[in-house]
Amino acid sequence: MKPGCTLFLLLFSALTASITAHAQLSSSTTTAPYLLAGSPTFDLSISQFRENFNRQNPDLPLNEFRAIENSRDKANLTRAASKINENLYASTALERGTLKVKSMQITWLPIQGPEQKAAKAKALEYMAAIIRTVAPLLTKRAKPEKTAKDAYRR
């Protein structure tokens, strides 16, 4: 996995919006500590996050998030996802009631062929933009790959 993708997964946790999210999970599955009730959240609701993101990144629109059904942790979380394009999705875990962001992820589905390089560059742009939205000390002038590497070192 490329360093930028790995960094983003480590920074904002790993949620995956896929067909398996609808599968029945065994009772031995444990919830990550950062998703438990009472764990810290970002100081933004998903609406505020999206509004800030779109204002700061007019060339990288983030569409409205839609709730995803999930019976595993309904009591304290709402999961939601937003389709960016055919191979790029944003997903989030939200605190139930306040809808404050607990976790944010960009999922890139790699494609083969002549469009691969442009698709990867777009995915890195979105990842860097999300990092800048929650860590405003990182500058927009830095390349997405550099932003991701610098954030990983902190």
N, C-alpha and C. Protein backbone atom coordinates (compact mmCIF):
# COMPACT_ATOMS: atom_id res chain seq x y z
N MET A 1 0.86 -1.17 0.00
CA MET A 1 0.00 0.00 0.00
C MET A 1 0.90 1.23 0.00
N LYS A 2 0.53 2.26 -0.71
CA LYS A 2 1.31 3.48 -0.81
C LYS A 2 1.30 4.23 0.52
N PRO A 3 2.37 4.96 0.82
CA PRO A 3 2.47 5.67 2.10
C PRO A 3 1.30 6.63 2.36
N GLY A 4 0.84 7.35 1.36
CA GLY A 4 -0.27 8.29 1.55
C GLY A 4 -1.54 7.59 1.98
N CYS A 5 -1.81 6.45 1.34
CA CYS A 5 -3.01 5.69 1.70
C CYS A 5 -2.88 5.12 3.11
N THR A 6 -1.71 4.58 3.41
CA THR A 6 -1.49 4.00 4.73
C THR A 6 -1.62 5.06 5.81
N LEU A 7 -1.03 6.22 5.57
CA LEU A 7 -1.12 7.31 6.54
C LEU A 7 -2.56 7.68 6.82
N PHE A 8 -3.32 7.84 5.77
CA PHE A 8 -4.70 8.27 5.97
C PHE A 8 -5.48 7.24 6.77
N LEU A 9 -5.25 5.99 6.46
CA LEU A 9 -5.94 4.94 7.21
C LEU A 9 -5.54 4.97 8.68
N LEU A 10 -4.27 5.20 8.95
CA LEU A 10 -3.82 5.25 10.34
C LEU A 10 -4.35 6.48 11.06
N LEU A 11 -4.37 7.63 10.38
CA LEU A 11 -4.81 8.87 11.02
C LEU A 11 -6.29 8.90 11.31
N PHE A 12 -7.07 8.44 10.43
CA PHE A 12 -8.51 8.62 10.55
C PHE A 12 -9.27 7.30 10.66
N SER A 13 -8.56 6.27 11.01
CA SER A 13 -9.13 4.95 11.27
C SER A 13 -9.63 4.28 10.02
N ALA A 14 -9.93 3.02 10.16
CA ALA A 14 -10.32 2.23 9.00
C ALA A 14 -11.78 1.83 9.08
N LEU A 15 -12.58 2.54 8.34
CA LEU A 15 -13.97 2.14 8.14
C LEU A 15 -14.07 1.71 6.68
N THR A 16 -14.80 0.71 6.39
CA THR A 16 -14.94 0.30 5.01
C THR A 16 -16.40 0.17 4.66
N ALA A 17 -16.82 0.95 3.69
CA ALA A 17 -18.21 0.87 3.22
C ALA A 17 -18.21 -0.09 2.03
N SER A 18 -18.66 -1.30 2.26
CA SER A 18 -18.69 -2.29 1.20
C SER A 18 -19.83 -3.25 1.45
N ILE A 19 -19.93 -4.20 0.59
CA ILE A 19 -20.99 -5.20 0.72
C ILE A 19 -20.88 -5.94 2.05
N THR A 20 -19.66 -6.16 2.52
CA THR A 20 -19.50 -6.90 3.78
C THR A 20 -20.02 -6.12 4.98
N ALA A 21 -20.21 -4.82 4.84
CA ALA A 21 -20.75 -4.04 5.96
C ALA A 21 -22.16 -4.50 6.31
N HIS A 22 -22.84 -5.10 5.35
CA HIS A 22 -24.20 -5.57 5.58
C HIS A 22 -24.25 -7.01 6.08
N ALA A 23 -23.10 -7.66 6.10
CA ALA A 23 -23.06 -9.06 6.53
C ALA A 23 -23.21 -9.15 8.05
N GLN A 24 -23.70 -10.27 8.50
CA GLN A 24 -23.85 -10.51 9.94
C GLN A 24 -22.47 -10.75 10.53
N LEU A 25 -22.09 -10.00 11.57
CA LEU A 25 -20.78 -10.16 12.19
C LEU A 25 -20.89 -11.05 13.40
N SER A 26 -19.82 -11.79 13.67
CA SER A 26 -19.84 -12.69 14.82
C SER A 26 -19.76 -11.88 16.11
N SER A 27 -20.17 -12.47 17.20
CA SER A 27 -20.15 -11.78 18.49
C SER A 27 -18.73 -11.57 19.00
N SER A 28 -17.75 -12.27 18.41
CA SER A 28 -16.37 -12.11 18.84
C SER A 28 -15.73 -10.84 18.26
N THR A 29 -16.39 -10.19 17.32
CA THR A 29 -15.87 -8.96 16.73
C THR A 29 -15.88 -7.85 17.78
N THR A 30 -14.74 -7.19 17.94
CA THR A 30 -14.66 -6.11 18.91
C THR A 30 -14.66 -4.76 18.20
N THR A 31 -15.14 -3.75 18.89
CA THR A 31 -15.18 -2.40 18.34
C THR A 31 -13.88 -1.69 18.68
N ALA A 32 -13.35 -0.94 17.72
CA ALA A 32 -12.12 -0.18 17.95
C ALA A 32 -12.36 0.83 19.07
N PRO A 33 -11.37 1.07 19.92
CA PRO A 33 -11.54 1.97 21.07
C PRO A 33 -12.01 3.38 20.69
N TYR A 34 -11.56 3.89 19.55
CA TYR A 34 -11.94 5.25 19.16
C TYR A 34 -13.39 5.35 18.71
N LEU A 35 -14.08 4.21 18.56
CA LEU A 35 -15.48 4.23 18.17
C LEU A 35 -16.42 3.96 19.34
N LEU A 36 -15.87 3.68 20.50
CA LEU A 36 -16.71 3.39 21.67
C LEU A 36 -17.41 4.64 22.17
N ALA A 37 -18.53 4.44 22.86
CA ALA A 37 -19.25 5.56 23.47
C ALA A 37 -18.32 6.27 24.44
N GLY A 38 -18.32 7.58 24.41
CA GLY A 38 -17.48 8.37 25.30
C GLY A 38 -16.09 8.65 24.76
N SER A 39 -15.69 8.01 23.67
CA SER A 39 -14.38 8.30 23.11
C SER A 39 -14.41 9.68 22.43
N PRO A 40 -13.26 10.32 22.28
CA PRO A 40 -13.22 11.68 21.73
C PRO A 40 -13.78 11.76 20.31
N THR A 41 -14.28 12.94 19.97
CA THR A 41 -14.75 13.22 18.62
C THR A 41 -14.04 14.48 18.14
N PHE A 42 -14.07 14.70 16.82
CA PHE A 42 -13.64 15.99 16.30
C PHE A 42 -14.69 17.00 16.72
N ASP A 43 -14.33 18.24 16.80
CA ASP A 43 -15.26 19.27 17.27
C ASP A 43 -16.13 19.80 16.13
N LEU A 44 -16.47 18.94 15.18
CA LEU A 44 -17.29 19.32 14.03
C LEU A 44 -18.35 18.26 13.78
N SER A 45 -19.55 18.71 13.48
CA SER A 45 -20.56 17.75 13.00
C SER A 45 -20.21 17.44 11.55
N ILE A 46 -20.80 16.42 10.99
CA ILE A 46 -20.51 16.06 9.61
C ILE A 46 -20.92 17.18 8.66
N SER A 47 -22.01 17.88 8.96
CA SER A 47 -22.44 19.01 8.11
C SER A 47 -21.42 20.14 8.15
N GLN A 48 -20.92 20.46 9.35
CA GLN A 48 -19.91 21.51 9.47
C GLN A 48 -18.61 21.10 8.78
N PHE A 49 -18.23 19.83 8.94
CA PHE A 49 -17.01 19.34 8.29
C PHE A 49 -17.13 19.48 6.78
N ARG A 50 -18.25 19.02 6.22
CA ARG A 50 -18.46 19.07 4.78
C ARG A 50 -18.48 20.52 4.28
N GLU A 51 -19.14 21.39 5.01
CA GLU A 51 -19.21 22.81 4.64
C GLU A 51 -17.81 23.43 4.62
N ASN A 52 -17.03 23.19 5.68
CA ASN A 52 -15.65 23.69 5.74
C ASN A 52 -14.81 23.12 4.61
N PHE A 53 -14.93 21.82 4.40
CA PHE A 53 -14.15 21.15 3.35
C PHE A 53 -14.46 21.76 1.99
N ASN A 54 -15.74 21.89 1.66
CA ASN A 54 -16.13 22.42 0.35
C ASN A 54 -15.73 23.88 0.18
N ARG A 55 -15.76 24.66 1.25
CA ARG A 55 -15.36 26.07 1.17
C ARG A 55 -13.84 26.16 0.93
N GLN A 56 -13.07 25.33 1.61
CA GLN A 56 -11.61 25.36 1.48
C GLN A 56 -11.12 24.70 0.19
N ASN A 57 -11.93 23.83 -0.39
CA ASN A 57 -11.51 23.04 -1.56
C ASN A 57 -12.58 23.06 -2.64
N PRO A 58 -12.82 24.21 -3.27
CA PRO A 58 -13.90 24.30 -4.25
C PRO A 58 -13.72 23.37 -5.46
N ASP A 59 -12.50 22.97 -5.75
CA ASP A 59 -12.25 22.07 -6.88
C ASP A 59 -12.37 20.60 -6.50
N LEU A 60 -12.63 20.31 -5.22
CA LEU A 60 -12.76 18.94 -4.73
C LEU A 60 -14.08 18.79 -3.98
N PRO A 61 -15.18 18.75 -4.69
CA PRO A 61 -16.47 18.71 -3.98
C PRO A 61 -16.68 17.42 -3.19
N LEU A 62 -17.24 17.58 -2.01
CA LEU A 62 -17.60 16.45 -1.16
C LEU A 62 -19.11 16.48 -1.04
N ASN A 63 -19.77 15.48 -1.61
CA ASN A 63 -21.23 15.43 -1.62
C ASN A 63 -21.79 15.08 -0.25
N GLU A 64 -23.08 15.21 -0.12
CA GLU A 64 -23.77 14.89 1.13
C GLU A 64 -23.54 13.43 1.52
N PHE A 65 -23.35 13.20 2.80
CA PHE A 65 -23.17 11.84 3.31
C PHE A 65 -24.53 11.20 3.54
N ARG A 66 -24.64 9.93 3.21
CA ARG A 66 -25.87 9.16 3.42
C ARG A 66 -25.62 8.09 4.46
N ALA A 67 -26.58 7.93 5.35
CA ALA A 67 -26.45 6.93 6.41
C ALA A 67 -26.40 5.52 5.83
N ILE A 68 -25.61 4.68 6.47
CA ILE A 68 -25.47 3.27 6.09
C ILE A 68 -26.06 2.44 7.22
N GLU A 69 -26.93 1.51 6.90
CA GLU A 69 -27.50 0.61 7.92
C GLU A 69 -26.41 -0.28 8.47
N ASN A 70 -26.36 -0.39 9.79
CA ASN A 70 -25.37 -1.24 10.43
C ASN A 70 -25.92 -1.63 11.79
N SER A 71 -26.20 -2.90 11.97
CA SER A 71 -26.79 -3.36 13.23
C SER A 71 -25.75 -3.53 14.33
N ARG A 72 -24.47 -3.57 13.98
CA ARG A 72 -23.42 -3.86 14.94
C ARG A 72 -23.27 -2.80 16.04
N ASP A 73 -23.29 -1.54 15.68
CA ASP A 73 -23.03 -0.51 16.69
C ASP A 73 -24.03 0.64 16.61
N LYS A 74 -25.29 0.31 16.37
CA LYS A 74 -26.35 1.31 16.26
C LYS A 74 -26.49 2.16 17.51
N ALA A 75 -26.22 1.61 18.68
CA ALA A 75 -26.45 2.32 19.94
C ALA A 75 -25.64 3.60 20.06
N ASN A 76 -24.39 3.60 19.58
CA ASN A 76 -23.57 4.79 19.77
C ASN A 76 -23.00 5.40 18.50
N LEU A 77 -23.21 4.78 17.34
CA LEU A 77 -22.64 5.30 16.11
C LEU A 77 -23.65 5.38 14.98
N THR A 78 -23.44 6.35 14.12
CA THR A 78 -24.11 6.40 12.83
C THR A 78 -23.00 6.34 11.80
N ARG A 79 -23.11 5.44 10.87
CA ARG A 79 -22.11 5.36 9.80
C ARG A 79 -22.72 5.98 8.55
N ALA A 80 -21.88 6.67 7.77
CA ALA A 80 -22.37 7.33 6.57
C ALA A 80 -21.27 7.31 5.51
N ALA A 81 -21.69 7.44 4.24
CA ALA A 81 -20.74 7.45 3.13
C ALA A 81 -21.18 8.43 2.07
N SER A 82 -20.21 8.85 1.27
CA SER A 82 -20.46 9.78 0.18
C SER A 82 -19.65 9.32 -1.03
N LYS A 83 -20.30 9.20 -2.17
CA LYS A 83 -19.60 8.80 -3.39
C LYS A 83 -18.99 10.05 -4.02
N ILE A 84 -17.69 10.02 -4.25
CA ILE A 84 -16.99 11.13 -4.88
C ILE A 84 -16.96 10.91 -6.39
N ASN A 85 -16.54 9.72 -6.81
CA ASN A 85 -16.61 9.32 -8.22
C ASN A 85 -16.65 7.80 -8.26
N GLU A 86 -16.48 7.22 -9.42
CA GLU A 86 -16.64 5.77 -9.57
C GLU A 86 -15.63 4.95 -8.76
N ASN A 87 -14.50 5.52 -8.43
CA ASN A 87 -13.49 4.75 -7.70
C ASN A 87 -13.00 5.43 -6.42
N LEU A 88 -13.78 6.41 -5.93
CA LEU A 88 -13.37 7.15 -4.74
C LEU A 88 -14.59 7.44 -3.87
N TYR A 89 -14.49 7.06 -2.59
CA TYR A 89 -15.60 7.22 -1.65
C TYR A 89 -15.07 7.81 -0.34
N ALA A 90 -15.91 8.57 0.34
CA ALA A 90 -15.60 9.04 1.69
C ALA A 90 -16.57 8.34 2.63
N SER A 91 -16.08 7.90 3.77
CA SER A 91 -16.97 7.29 4.76
C SER A 91 -16.60 7.81 6.14
N THR A 92 -17.56 7.75 7.05
CA THR A 92 -17.36 8.33 8.36
C THR A 92 -18.14 7.56 9.42
N ALA A 93 -17.64 7.63 10.64
CA ALA A 93 -18.37 7.14 11.82
C ALA A 93 -18.71 8.38 12.63
N LEU A 94 -19.98 8.53 12.98
CA LEU A 94 -20.46 9.73 13.67
C LEU A 94 -21.02 9.37 15.03
N GLU A 95 -20.82 10.26 15.98
CA GLU A 95 -21.40 10.08 17.31
C GLU A 95 -22.92 10.21 17.19
N ARG A 96 -23.62 9.21 17.69
CA ARG A 96 -25.08 9.23 17.61
C ARG A 96 -25.61 10.41 18.42
N GLY A 97 -26.57 11.12 17.84
CA GLY A 97 -27.18 12.27 18.51
C GLY A 97 -26.58 13.59 18.07
N THR A 98 -25.26 13.74 18.21
CA THR A 98 -24.61 15.00 17.83
C THR A 98 -24.14 15.01 16.38
N LEU A 99 -23.94 13.82 15.82
CA LEU A 99 -23.38 13.63 14.48
C LEU A 99 -21.99 14.24 14.35
N LYS A 100 -21.26 14.32 15.46
CA LYS A 100 -19.87 14.77 15.41
C LYS A 100 -19.01 13.65 14.86
N VAL A 101 -18.00 14.03 14.09
CA VAL A 101 -17.14 13.07 13.41
C VAL A 101 -16.23 12.37 14.42
N LYS A 102 -16.27 11.04 14.42
CA LYS A 102 -15.36 10.23 15.22
C LYS A 102 -14.23 9.70 14.34
N SER A 103 -14.55 9.42 13.09
CA SER A 103 -13.60 8.81 12.18
C SER A 103 -13.95 9.20 10.75
N MET A 104 -12.94 9.43 9.93
CA MET A 104 -13.16 9.80 8.53
C MET A 104 -12.19 9.01 7.67
N GLN A 105 -12.66 8.52 6.53
CA GLN A 105 -11.80 7.74 5.64
C GLN A 105 -12.13 8.05 4.20
N ILE A 106 -11.09 8.03 3.38
CA ILE A 106 -11.25 8.05 1.93
C ILE A 106 -10.89 6.65 1.46
N THR A 107 -11.75 6.04 0.69
CA THR A 107 -11.48 4.72 0.12
C THR A 107 -11.28 4.87 -1.38
N TRP A 108 -10.11 4.46 -1.84
CA TRP A 108 -9.79 4.52 -3.26
C TRP A 108 -9.79 3.11 -3.81
N LEU A 109 -10.57 2.87 -4.84
CA LEU A 109 -10.59 1.59 -5.53
C LEU A 109 -9.71 1.75 -6.77
N PRO A 110 -8.47 1.23 -6.73
CA PRO A 110 -7.54 1.43 -7.84
C PRO A 110 -8.09 0.91 -9.16
N ILE A 111 -7.78 1.63 -10.21
CA ILE A 111 -8.18 1.21 -11.55
C ILE A 111 -6.93 0.96 -12.37
N GLN A 112 -7.06 0.16 -13.39
CA GLN A 112 -5.94 -0.15 -14.28
C GLN A 112 -6.11 0.63 -15.58
N GLY A 113 -5.02 0.81 -16.28
CA GLY A 113 -5.08 1.44 -17.58
C GLY A 113 -4.59 2.88 -17.58
N PRO A 114 -4.90 3.58 -18.67
CA PRO A 114 -4.37 4.93 -18.85
C PRO A 114 -4.87 5.96 -17.83
N GLU A 115 -5.98 5.70 -17.18
CA GLU A 115 -6.54 6.66 -16.22
C GLU A 115 -6.02 6.44 -14.79
N GLN A 116 -5.21 5.41 -14.59
CA GLN A 116 -4.74 5.06 -13.25
C GLN A 116 -3.97 6.20 -12.58
N LYS A 117 -3.05 6.83 -13.29
CA LYS A 117 -2.23 7.88 -12.69
C LYS A 117 -3.08 9.07 -12.25
N ALA A 118 -4.01 9.49 -13.09
CA ALA A 118 -4.89 10.63 -12.76
C ALA A 118 -5.82 10.28 -11.60
N ALA A 119 -6.32 9.04 -11.57
CA ALA A 119 -7.22 8.61 -10.48
C ALA A 119 -6.47 8.59 -9.15
N LYS A 120 -5.24 8.12 -9.17
CA LYS A 120 -4.43 8.09 -7.94
C LYS A 120 -4.14 9.51 -7.47
N ALA A 121 -3.81 10.40 -8.40
CA ALA A 121 -3.54 11.79 -8.04
C ALA A 121 -4.78 12.44 -7.41
N LYS A 122 -5.94 12.16 -7.95
CA LYS A 122 -7.19 12.72 -7.41
C LYS A 122 -7.44 12.18 -6.01
N ALA A 123 -7.21 10.89 -5.80
CA ALA A 123 -7.38 10.29 -4.47
C ALA A 123 -6.45 10.95 -3.46
N LEU A 124 -5.20 11.17 -3.83
CA LEU A 124 -4.24 11.82 -2.94
C LEU A 124 -4.63 13.26 -2.65
N GLU A 125 -5.19 13.96 -3.64
CA GLU A 125 -5.67 15.33 -3.42
C GLU A 125 -6.75 15.35 -2.35
N TYR A 126 -7.72 14.43 -2.46
CA TYR A 126 -8.80 14.36 -1.47
C TYR A 126 -8.26 14.01 -0.08
N MET A 127 -7.33 13.06 -0.02
CA MET A 127 -6.76 12.67 1.27
C MET A 127 -6.05 13.85 1.93
N ALA A 128 -5.23 14.55 1.15
CA ALA A 128 -4.51 15.71 1.69
C ALA A 128 -5.48 16.81 2.11
N ALA A 129 -6.53 17.02 1.34
CA ALA A 129 -7.52 18.07 1.67
C ALA A 129 -8.25 17.74 2.97
N ILE A 130 -8.56 16.47 3.19
CA ILE A 130 -9.24 16.09 4.43
C ILE A 130 -8.29 16.26 5.62
N ILE A 131 -7.03 15.90 5.44
CA ILE A 131 -6.05 16.10 6.51
C ILE A 131 -5.94 17.59 6.83
N ARG A 132 -5.86 18.44 5.80
CA ARG A 132 -5.76 19.89 6.03
C ARG A 132 -7.01 20.44 6.72
N THR A 133 -8.17 19.85 6.45
CA THR A 133 -9.41 20.33 7.07
C THR A 133 -9.39 20.11 8.58
N VAL A 134 -8.83 19.00 9.03
CA VAL A 134 -8.80 18.71 10.47
C VAL A 134 -7.47 19.10 11.12
N ALA A 135 -6.46 19.37 10.32
CA ALA A 135 -5.15 19.81 10.83
C ALA A 135 -4.73 21.04 10.03
N PRO A 136 -5.33 22.20 10.30
CA PRO A 136 -5.14 23.38 9.46
C PRO A 136 -3.71 23.92 9.43
N LEU A 137 -2.83 23.44 10.27
CA LEU A 137 -1.45 23.91 10.23
C LEU A 137 -0.70 23.40 9.00
N LEU A 138 -1.22 22.36 8.37
CA LEU A 138 -0.61 21.86 7.15
C LEU A 138 -1.02 22.78 6.00
N THR A 139 -0.07 23.15 5.16
CA THR A 139 -0.36 24.12 4.11
C THR A 139 -0.89 23.47 2.85
N LYS A 140 -1.64 24.25 2.09
CA LYS A 140 -2.21 23.77 0.84
C LYS A 140 -1.14 23.70 -0.25
N ARG A 141 -0.07 24.48 -0.10
CA ARG A 141 0.97 24.50 -1.13
C ARG A 141 1.76 23.20 -1.19
N ALA A 142 1.80 22.47 -0.12
CA ALA A 142 2.54 21.21 -0.10
C ALA A 142 1.88 20.20 -1.02
N LYS A 143 2.69 19.40 -1.67
CA LYS A 143 2.14 18.34 -2.51
C LYS A 143 1.36 17.36 -1.64
N PRO A 144 0.30 16.73 -2.19
CA PRO A 144 -0.47 15.77 -1.39
C PRO A 144 0.39 14.69 -0.75
N GLU A 145 1.39 14.18 -1.50
CA GLU A 145 2.24 13.12 -0.96
C GLU A 145 3.05 13.65 0.22
N LYS A 146 3.57 14.89 0.10
CA LYS A 146 4.36 15.49 1.17
C LYS A 146 3.49 15.77 2.39
N THR A 147 2.27 16.27 2.17
CA THR A 147 1.35 16.53 3.28
C THR A 147 1.11 15.24 4.06
N ALA A 148 0.87 14.16 3.34
CA ALA A 148 0.60 12.88 3.98
C ALA A 148 1.83 12.40 4.76
N LYS A 149 3.02 12.52 4.17
CA LYS A 149 4.24 12.09 4.86
C LYS A 149 4.51 12.94 6.10
N ASP A 150 4.34 14.26 5.99
CA ASP A 150 4.58 15.15 7.13
C ASP A 150 3.61 14.86 8.26
N ALA A 151 2.36 14.63 7.95
CA ALA A 151 1.36 14.35 8.98
C ALA A 151 1.68 13.03 9.68
N TYR A 152 2.22 12.06 8.93
CA TYR A 152 2.56 10.76 9.50
C TYR A 152 3.69 10.89 10.52
N ARG A 153 4.63 11.79 10.27
CA ARG A 153 5.79 11.94 11.15
C ARG A 153 5.44 12.57 12.49
N ARG A 154 4.34 13.29 12.58
CA ARG A 154 3.99 14.01 13.81
C ARG A 154 3.50 13.10 14.87
